[in-house]
N, C-alpha and C. Protein backbone atom coordinates (compact mmCIF):
# COMPACT_ATOMS: atom_id res chain seq x y z
N MET A 1 -18.56 -10.41 -18.02
CA MET A 1 -17.84 -9.80 -16.92
C MET A 1 -18.04 -8.28 -16.96
N PHE A 2 -18.10 -7.70 -15.80
CA PHE A 2 -18.12 -6.25 -15.67
C PHE A 2 -16.71 -5.72 -15.95
N LYS A 3 -16.60 -4.61 -16.69
CA LYS A 3 -15.30 -4.02 -17.00
C LYS A 3 -15.29 -2.57 -16.59
N THR A 4 -14.16 -2.12 -16.06
CA THR A 4 -13.97 -0.72 -15.71
C THR A 4 -12.54 -0.32 -15.99
N ASP A 5 -12.34 0.90 -16.45
CA ASP A 5 -10.99 1.39 -16.69
C ASP A 5 -10.23 1.50 -15.38
N PHE A 6 -8.92 1.35 -15.48
CA PHE A 6 -8.06 1.45 -14.30
C PHE A 6 -6.78 2.17 -14.68
N ALA A 7 -6.43 3.16 -13.89
CA ALA A 7 -5.20 3.92 -14.13
C ALA A 7 -4.22 3.68 -13.00
N VAL A 8 -2.99 3.38 -13.35
CA VAL A 8 -1.92 3.26 -12.36
C VAL A 8 -1.44 4.68 -12.06
N ARG A 9 -1.49 5.06 -10.82
CA ARG A 9 -1.05 6.39 -10.39
C ARG A 9 0.40 6.33 -9.93
N PHE A 10 1.06 7.45 -9.97
CA PHE A 10 2.47 7.52 -9.57
C PHE A 10 2.67 6.96 -8.16
N ALA A 11 1.73 7.26 -7.26
CA ALA A 11 1.85 6.80 -5.88
C ALA A 11 1.68 5.29 -5.74
N ASP A 12 1.21 4.61 -6.78
CA ASP A 12 1.01 3.16 -6.75
C ASP A 12 2.25 2.38 -7.15
N VAL A 13 3.26 3.06 -7.63
CA VAL A 13 4.44 2.40 -8.21
C VAL A 13 5.55 2.30 -7.16
N ASP A 14 6.20 1.13 -7.10
CA ASP A 14 7.28 0.93 -6.14
C ASP A 14 8.63 1.35 -6.73
N ASN A 15 9.68 1.13 -5.99
CA ASN A 15 11.02 1.53 -6.42
C ASN A 15 11.48 0.81 -7.69
N ALA A 16 10.91 -0.33 -7.99
CA ALA A 16 11.26 -1.06 -9.21
C ALA A 16 10.54 -0.49 -10.44
N GLY A 17 9.63 0.46 -10.21
CA GLY A 17 8.91 1.08 -11.32
C GLY A 17 7.66 0.31 -11.74
N ILE A 18 7.22 -0.63 -10.90
CA ILE A 18 6.02 -1.40 -11.22
C ILE A 18 4.99 -1.24 -10.10
N PHE A 19 3.77 -1.61 -10.41
CA PHE A 19 2.66 -1.51 -9.47
C PHE A 19 2.98 -2.30 -8.20
N TYR A 20 2.90 -1.65 -7.06
CA TYR A 20 3.20 -2.26 -5.77
C TYR A 20 2.11 -3.28 -5.43
N TYR A 21 2.49 -4.53 -5.20
CA TYR A 21 1.54 -5.65 -5.16
C TYR A 21 0.37 -5.49 -4.19
N PRO A 22 0.49 -4.88 -2.99
CA PRO A 22 -0.71 -4.76 -2.15
C PRO A 22 -1.78 -3.86 -2.76
N ARG A 23 -1.37 -2.99 -3.67
CA ARG A 23 -2.32 -2.07 -4.30
C ARG A 23 -3.30 -2.81 -5.22
N PHE A 24 -2.93 -4.02 -5.68
CA PHE A 24 -3.85 -4.80 -6.51
C PHE A 24 -5.16 -5.04 -5.76
N PHE A 25 -5.06 -5.39 -4.49
CA PHE A 25 -6.26 -5.72 -3.73
C PHE A 25 -7.17 -4.50 -3.57
N HIS A 26 -6.55 -3.34 -3.37
CA HIS A 26 -7.33 -2.10 -3.29
C HIS A 26 -8.01 -1.84 -4.64
N ALA A 27 -7.27 -1.97 -5.73
CA ALA A 27 -7.82 -1.72 -7.06
C ALA A 27 -8.99 -2.66 -7.36
N PHE A 28 -8.85 -3.93 -7.00
CA PHE A 28 -9.92 -4.88 -7.25
C PHE A 28 -11.16 -4.54 -6.42
N HIS A 29 -10.95 -4.09 -5.19
CA HIS A 29 -12.11 -3.72 -4.38
C HIS A 29 -12.80 -2.46 -4.94
N VAL A 30 -12.02 -1.53 -5.46
CA VAL A 30 -12.61 -0.34 -6.09
C VAL A 30 -13.49 -0.77 -7.27
N ALA A 31 -13.03 -1.72 -8.06
CA ALA A 31 -13.83 -2.24 -9.18
C ALA A 31 -15.11 -2.90 -8.65
N PHE A 32 -15.00 -3.64 -7.55
CA PHE A 32 -16.16 -4.26 -6.90
C PHE A 32 -17.19 -3.19 -6.52
N GLU A 33 -16.73 -2.08 -5.95
CA GLU A 33 -17.63 -1.00 -5.56
C GLU A 33 -18.26 -0.35 -6.80
N LYS A 34 -17.48 -0.18 -7.86
CA LYS A 34 -18.02 0.41 -9.09
C LYS A 34 -19.11 -0.48 -9.67
N TRP A 35 -18.95 -1.80 -9.57
CA TRP A 35 -19.98 -2.71 -10.07
C TRP A 35 -21.31 -2.45 -9.37
N TRP A 36 -21.28 -2.30 -8.05
CA TRP A 36 -22.52 -2.03 -7.30
C TRP A 36 -23.17 -0.75 -7.81
N GLU A 37 -22.37 0.28 -8.03
CA GLU A 37 -22.91 1.56 -8.49
C GLU A 37 -23.58 1.41 -9.85
N GLU A 38 -22.97 0.66 -10.75
CA GLU A 38 -23.53 0.51 -12.09
C GLU A 38 -24.70 -0.48 -12.12
N GLU A 39 -24.57 -1.56 -11.38
CA GLU A 39 -25.62 -2.60 -11.40
C GLU A 39 -26.88 -2.15 -10.68
N PHE A 40 -26.73 -1.51 -9.53
CA PHE A 40 -27.88 -1.16 -8.69
C PHE A 40 -28.14 0.34 -8.62
N GLU A 41 -27.26 1.13 -9.26
CA GLU A 41 -27.36 2.58 -9.21
C GLU A 41 -27.42 3.08 -7.77
N ARG A 42 -26.67 2.40 -6.92
CA ARG A 42 -26.54 2.75 -5.50
C ARG A 42 -25.11 2.44 -5.09
N GLY A 43 -24.58 3.25 -4.21
CA GLY A 43 -23.24 2.98 -3.71
C GLY A 43 -23.21 1.75 -2.83
N TYR A 44 -22.05 1.10 -2.82
CA TYR A 44 -21.87 -0.09 -1.98
C TYR A 44 -22.12 0.23 -0.51
N HIS A 45 -21.80 1.45 -0.10
CA HIS A 45 -22.03 1.82 1.30
C HIS A 45 -23.51 1.72 1.68
N LEU A 46 -24.40 1.92 0.72
CA LEU A 46 -25.84 1.79 1.02
C LEU A 46 -26.25 0.34 1.17
N ILE A 47 -25.61 -0.55 0.43
CA ILE A 47 -25.87 -1.99 0.60
C ILE A 47 -25.48 -2.39 2.03
N LEU A 48 -24.32 -1.88 2.45
CA LEU A 48 -23.83 -2.20 3.80
C LEU A 48 -24.68 -1.57 4.90
N ASN A 49 -24.98 -0.28 4.75
CA ASN A 49 -25.58 0.48 5.86
C ASN A 49 -27.10 0.59 5.84
N GLU A 50 -27.72 0.38 4.68
CA GLU A 50 -29.18 0.42 4.62
C GLU A 50 -29.76 -0.98 4.47
N ASP A 51 -29.20 -1.75 3.54
CA ASP A 51 -29.68 -3.12 3.34
C ASP A 51 -29.12 -4.07 4.39
N MET A 52 -28.04 -3.64 5.04
CA MET A 52 -27.39 -4.40 6.12
C MET A 52 -26.87 -5.76 5.65
N VAL A 53 -26.34 -5.79 4.41
CA VAL A 53 -25.73 -6.99 3.86
C VAL A 53 -24.27 -6.65 3.57
N GLY A 54 -23.36 -7.48 4.09
CA GLY A 54 -21.94 -7.25 3.88
C GLY A 54 -21.28 -8.42 3.18
N PHE A 55 -20.11 -8.15 2.63
CA PHE A 55 -19.36 -9.15 1.87
C PHE A 55 -17.88 -9.10 2.26
N PRO A 56 -17.54 -9.51 3.49
CA PRO A 56 -16.13 -9.49 3.87
C PRO A 56 -15.34 -10.59 3.17
N ALA A 57 -14.12 -10.26 2.79
CA ALA A 57 -13.24 -11.24 2.16
C ALA A 57 -12.81 -12.27 3.20
N VAL A 58 -12.85 -13.55 2.81
CA VAL A 58 -12.41 -14.62 3.70
C VAL A 58 -11.26 -15.43 3.11
N HIS A 59 -11.02 -15.26 1.80
CA HIS A 59 -9.90 -15.96 1.17
C HIS A 59 -9.54 -15.23 -0.13
N ILE A 60 -8.23 -15.05 -0.35
CA ILE A 60 -7.76 -14.38 -1.56
C ILE A 60 -6.57 -15.14 -2.12
N GLU A 61 -6.59 -15.34 -3.44
CA GLU A 61 -5.44 -15.90 -4.17
C GLU A 61 -5.17 -14.97 -5.35
N CYS A 62 -3.90 -14.68 -5.59
CA CYS A 62 -3.56 -13.77 -6.69
C CYS A 62 -2.37 -14.32 -7.46
N ASP A 63 -2.47 -14.29 -8.78
CA ASP A 63 -1.37 -14.65 -9.66
C ASP A 63 -0.96 -13.41 -10.43
N PHE A 64 0.33 -13.09 -10.34
CA PHE A 64 0.88 -11.93 -11.03
C PHE A 64 1.56 -12.45 -12.30
N LYS A 65 1.06 -12.04 -13.44
CA LYS A 65 1.52 -12.58 -14.73
C LYS A 65 2.54 -11.70 -15.43
N LYS A 66 2.31 -10.38 -15.42
CA LYS A 66 3.17 -9.44 -16.12
C LYS A 66 3.24 -8.15 -15.29
N PRO A 67 4.36 -7.43 -15.36
CA PRO A 67 4.43 -6.16 -14.63
C PRO A 67 3.36 -5.17 -15.10
N VAL A 68 2.86 -4.41 -14.15
CA VAL A 68 1.90 -3.34 -14.42
C VAL A 68 2.66 -2.04 -14.20
N VAL A 69 2.69 -1.19 -15.22
CA VAL A 69 3.56 -0.01 -15.16
C VAL A 69 2.77 1.30 -15.26
N PHE A 70 3.32 2.31 -14.65
CA PHE A 70 2.76 3.65 -14.65
C PHE A 70 2.67 4.16 -16.09
N GLY A 71 1.51 4.74 -16.43
CA GLY A 71 1.34 5.34 -17.74
C GLY A 71 0.68 4.47 -18.79
N GLU A 72 0.56 3.18 -18.52
CA GLU A 72 -0.08 2.27 -19.48
C GLU A 72 -1.58 2.18 -19.18
N PRO A 73 -2.42 1.95 -20.22
CA PRO A 73 -3.87 1.85 -20.00
C PRO A 73 -4.29 0.43 -19.62
N TYR A 74 -5.06 0.31 -18.55
CA TYR A 74 -5.52 -0.99 -18.07
C TYR A 74 -7.02 -0.95 -17.83
N GLU A 75 -7.59 -2.13 -17.66
CA GLU A 75 -8.96 -2.26 -17.22
C GLU A 75 -9.05 -3.46 -16.30
N ILE A 76 -10.05 -3.43 -15.42
CA ILE A 76 -10.30 -4.53 -14.50
C ILE A 76 -11.61 -5.19 -14.92
N HIS A 77 -11.56 -6.52 -15.04
CA HIS A 77 -12.75 -7.31 -15.36
C HIS A 77 -13.17 -8.02 -14.07
N VAL A 78 -14.46 -8.02 -13.80
CA VAL A 78 -14.99 -8.66 -12.58
C VAL A 78 -16.07 -9.65 -12.99
N GLY A 79 -15.95 -10.87 -12.50
CA GLY A 79 -16.97 -11.89 -12.73
C GLY A 79 -17.17 -12.71 -11.48
N VAL A 80 -18.20 -13.53 -11.48
CA VAL A 80 -18.46 -14.44 -10.36
C VAL A 80 -18.04 -15.83 -10.79
N LYS A 81 -17.09 -16.38 -10.07
CA LYS A 81 -16.55 -17.71 -10.37
C LYS A 81 -17.38 -18.81 -9.72
N ARG A 82 -17.86 -18.54 -8.51
CA ARG A 82 -18.66 -19.53 -7.77
C ARG A 82 -19.65 -18.80 -6.89
N LEU A 83 -20.88 -19.30 -6.88
CA LEU A 83 -21.92 -18.71 -6.06
C LEU A 83 -22.49 -19.78 -5.15
N GLY A 84 -22.25 -19.63 -3.87
CA GLY A 84 -22.79 -20.55 -2.88
C GLY A 84 -24.00 -19.95 -2.19
N ASN A 85 -24.46 -20.59 -1.13
CA ASN A 85 -25.60 -20.07 -0.38
C ASN A 85 -25.24 -18.88 0.48
N THR A 86 -24.04 -18.90 1.06
CA THR A 86 -23.64 -17.81 1.96
C THR A 86 -22.25 -17.28 1.62
N SER A 87 -21.79 -17.55 0.40
CA SER A 87 -20.50 -17.00 -0.03
C SER A 87 -20.50 -16.88 -1.54
N VAL A 88 -19.59 -16.05 -2.02
CA VAL A 88 -19.44 -15.84 -3.46
C VAL A 88 -17.96 -15.63 -3.75
N THR A 89 -17.47 -16.25 -4.82
CA THR A 89 -16.08 -16.08 -5.22
C THR A 89 -16.04 -15.23 -6.47
N PHE A 90 -15.38 -14.10 -6.36
CA PHE A 90 -15.23 -13.18 -7.48
C PHE A 90 -13.91 -13.42 -8.16
N ARG A 91 -13.91 -13.28 -9.47
CA ARG A 91 -12.69 -13.35 -10.28
C ARG A 91 -12.42 -11.93 -10.77
N TYR A 92 -11.23 -11.44 -10.46
CA TYR A 92 -10.79 -10.12 -10.93
C TYR A 92 -9.61 -10.34 -11.86
N GLU A 93 -9.64 -9.68 -13.00
CA GLU A 93 -8.52 -9.74 -13.94
C GLU A 93 -8.11 -8.33 -14.30
N LEU A 94 -6.82 -8.05 -14.15
CA LEU A 94 -6.27 -6.77 -14.58
C LEU A 94 -5.64 -7.01 -15.94
N ARG A 95 -6.21 -6.34 -16.95
CA ARG A 95 -5.77 -6.55 -18.33
C ARG A 95 -5.33 -5.23 -18.95
N HIS A 96 -4.39 -5.32 -19.86
CA HIS A 96 -3.98 -4.15 -20.62
C HIS A 96 -5.15 -3.80 -21.54
N ARG A 97 -5.55 -2.53 -21.52
CA ARG A 97 -6.73 -2.14 -22.28
C ARG A 97 -6.53 -2.27 -23.80
N ASP A 98 -5.31 -2.04 -24.29
CA ASP A 98 -5.07 -2.09 -25.73
C ASP A 98 -4.78 -3.49 -26.25
N THR A 99 -4.01 -4.27 -25.51
CA THR A 99 -3.60 -5.59 -26.00
C THR A 99 -4.47 -6.72 -25.46
N GLY A 100 -5.17 -6.48 -24.35
CA GLY A 100 -5.95 -7.54 -23.72
C GLY A 100 -5.11 -8.48 -22.88
N ASP A 101 -3.78 -8.25 -22.82
CA ASP A 101 -2.90 -9.12 -22.05
C ASP A 101 -3.32 -9.15 -20.58
N LEU A 102 -3.30 -10.35 -19.99
CA LEU A 102 -3.60 -10.53 -18.57
C LEU A 102 -2.34 -10.23 -17.76
N HIS A 103 -2.45 -9.30 -16.82
CA HIS A 103 -1.31 -8.93 -15.98
C HIS A 103 -1.44 -9.49 -14.56
N ALA A 104 -2.67 -9.63 -14.08
CA ALA A 104 -2.89 -10.22 -12.75
C ALA A 104 -4.29 -10.77 -12.69
N ALA A 105 -4.45 -11.86 -11.94
CA ALA A 105 -5.76 -12.47 -11.74
C ALA A 105 -5.91 -12.84 -10.27
N THR A 106 -7.04 -12.48 -9.73
CA THR A 106 -7.31 -12.73 -8.31
C THR A 106 -8.67 -13.38 -8.15
N ASP A 107 -8.72 -14.39 -7.31
CA ASP A 107 -9.98 -14.98 -6.87
C ASP A 107 -10.17 -14.60 -5.41
N THR A 108 -11.27 -13.94 -5.14
CA THR A 108 -11.57 -13.49 -3.78
C THR A 108 -12.89 -14.09 -3.34
N THR A 109 -12.86 -14.91 -2.31
CA THR A 109 -14.08 -15.46 -1.74
C THR A 109 -14.55 -14.52 -0.64
N LYS A 110 -15.82 -14.15 -0.74
CA LYS A 110 -16.43 -13.26 0.24
C LYS A 110 -17.60 -13.97 0.89
N ALA A 111 -17.68 -13.87 2.18
CA ALA A 111 -18.85 -14.37 2.89
C ALA A 111 -19.98 -13.38 2.67
N VAL A 112 -21.20 -13.85 2.80
CA VAL A 112 -22.37 -12.97 2.80
C VAL A 112 -22.84 -12.93 4.24
N VAL A 113 -22.87 -11.71 4.82
CA VAL A 113 -23.20 -11.61 6.25
C VAL A 113 -24.26 -10.54 6.50
N ASP A 114 -24.99 -10.75 7.58
CA ASP A 114 -25.91 -9.75 8.11
C ASP A 114 -25.05 -8.74 8.87
N MET A 115 -25.10 -7.48 8.50
CA MET A 115 -24.24 -6.47 9.12
C MET A 115 -24.63 -6.17 10.57
N ASN A 116 -25.82 -6.56 11.00
CA ASN A 116 -26.21 -6.37 12.39
C ASN A 116 -25.55 -7.40 13.30
N THR A 117 -25.44 -8.64 12.81
CA THR A 117 -24.95 -9.73 13.64
C THR A 117 -23.60 -10.29 13.18
N PHE A 118 -23.21 -9.97 11.96
CA PHE A 118 -22.03 -10.52 11.29
C PHE A 118 -22.11 -12.04 11.17
N LYS A 119 -23.32 -12.56 11.13
CA LYS A 119 -23.56 -13.99 10.92
C LYS A 119 -23.85 -14.22 9.44
N ALA A 120 -23.51 -15.44 8.98
CA ALA A 120 -23.74 -15.81 7.58
C ALA A 120 -25.23 -15.73 7.25
N ARG A 121 -25.49 -15.33 6.02
CA ARG A 121 -26.87 -15.27 5.53
C ARG A 121 -26.86 -15.49 4.02
N THR A 122 -28.03 -15.73 3.45
CA THR A 122 -28.12 -15.80 2.00
C THR A 122 -28.25 -14.38 1.47
N PRO A 123 -27.77 -14.14 0.25
CA PRO A 123 -27.94 -12.79 -0.30
C PRO A 123 -29.40 -12.54 -0.67
N PRO A 124 -29.84 -11.29 -0.60
CA PRO A 124 -31.20 -10.98 -1.06
C PRO A 124 -31.36 -11.42 -2.52
N GLU A 125 -32.57 -11.76 -2.90
CA GLU A 125 -32.84 -12.32 -4.23
C GLU A 125 -32.33 -11.41 -5.35
N GLU A 126 -32.53 -10.12 -5.25
CA GLU A 126 -32.08 -9.18 -6.28
C GLU A 126 -30.56 -9.25 -6.46
N ILE A 127 -29.84 -9.34 -5.36
CA ILE A 127 -28.38 -9.43 -5.42
C ILE A 127 -27.96 -10.80 -5.97
N ARG A 128 -28.61 -11.85 -5.52
CA ARG A 128 -28.29 -13.20 -6.02
C ARG A 128 -28.47 -13.26 -7.54
N LYS A 129 -29.55 -12.69 -8.06
CA LYS A 129 -29.78 -12.69 -9.50
C LYS A 129 -28.69 -11.92 -10.24
N ALA A 130 -28.24 -10.82 -9.66
CA ALA A 130 -27.16 -10.04 -10.28
C ALA A 130 -25.87 -10.85 -10.29
N PHE A 131 -25.59 -11.58 -9.21
CA PHE A 131 -24.41 -12.45 -9.17
C PHE A 131 -24.53 -13.56 -10.22
N GLU A 132 -25.71 -14.15 -10.33
CA GLU A 132 -25.92 -15.23 -11.32
C GLU A 132 -25.64 -14.72 -12.73
N ALA A 133 -26.02 -13.49 -13.01
CA ALA A 133 -25.81 -12.91 -14.35
C ALA A 133 -24.32 -12.70 -14.64
N MET A 134 -23.50 -12.68 -13.59
CA MET A 134 -22.05 -12.48 -13.75
C MET A 134 -21.27 -13.77 -13.73
N LEU A 135 -21.95 -14.92 -13.60
CA LEU A 135 -21.24 -16.19 -13.52
C LEU A 135 -20.40 -16.42 -14.78
N ILE A 136 -19.16 -16.85 -14.56
CA ILE A 136 -18.23 -17.14 -15.65
C ILE A 136 -17.83 -18.59 -15.56
N GLU A 137 -17.34 -19.12 -16.65
CA GLU A 137 -16.83 -20.48 -16.65
C GLU A 137 -15.54 -20.52 -15.84
N ASP A 138 -15.31 -21.64 -15.19
CA ASP A 138 -14.10 -21.80 -14.39
C ASP A 138 -12.87 -21.57 -15.25
N VAL A 139 -12.00 -20.69 -14.74
CA VAL A 139 -10.77 -20.35 -15.48
C VAL A 139 -9.56 -20.92 -14.78
């Protein structure tokens, strides 16, 4: 799995003092974008606007296991749970960096689309191979 550090910012915390739940989805997408930068040494925006391949989310499930609090060190792990012909399901895990404890897990299914037509397509071979290298066992 791809791993990246994640910091909870003061603006991310709700009145209960824990990470506000919609912010998880933003954090997971930021990790998704960081993966593109590290894997392909290109920003995700170039995949969208030059390669004309997009990955819109079509289904999301999230399990919240433990509170995520301001000031604690975390990391996000990203893997591919399922790879189809025109879709891919990513597994995101928010873990405490020191203890490894799982705080949240999300499965996000993304369609693979041609950005010109927004019709389903297969991913380019280079991207498909990168996804295959990230395949994880079903969790």
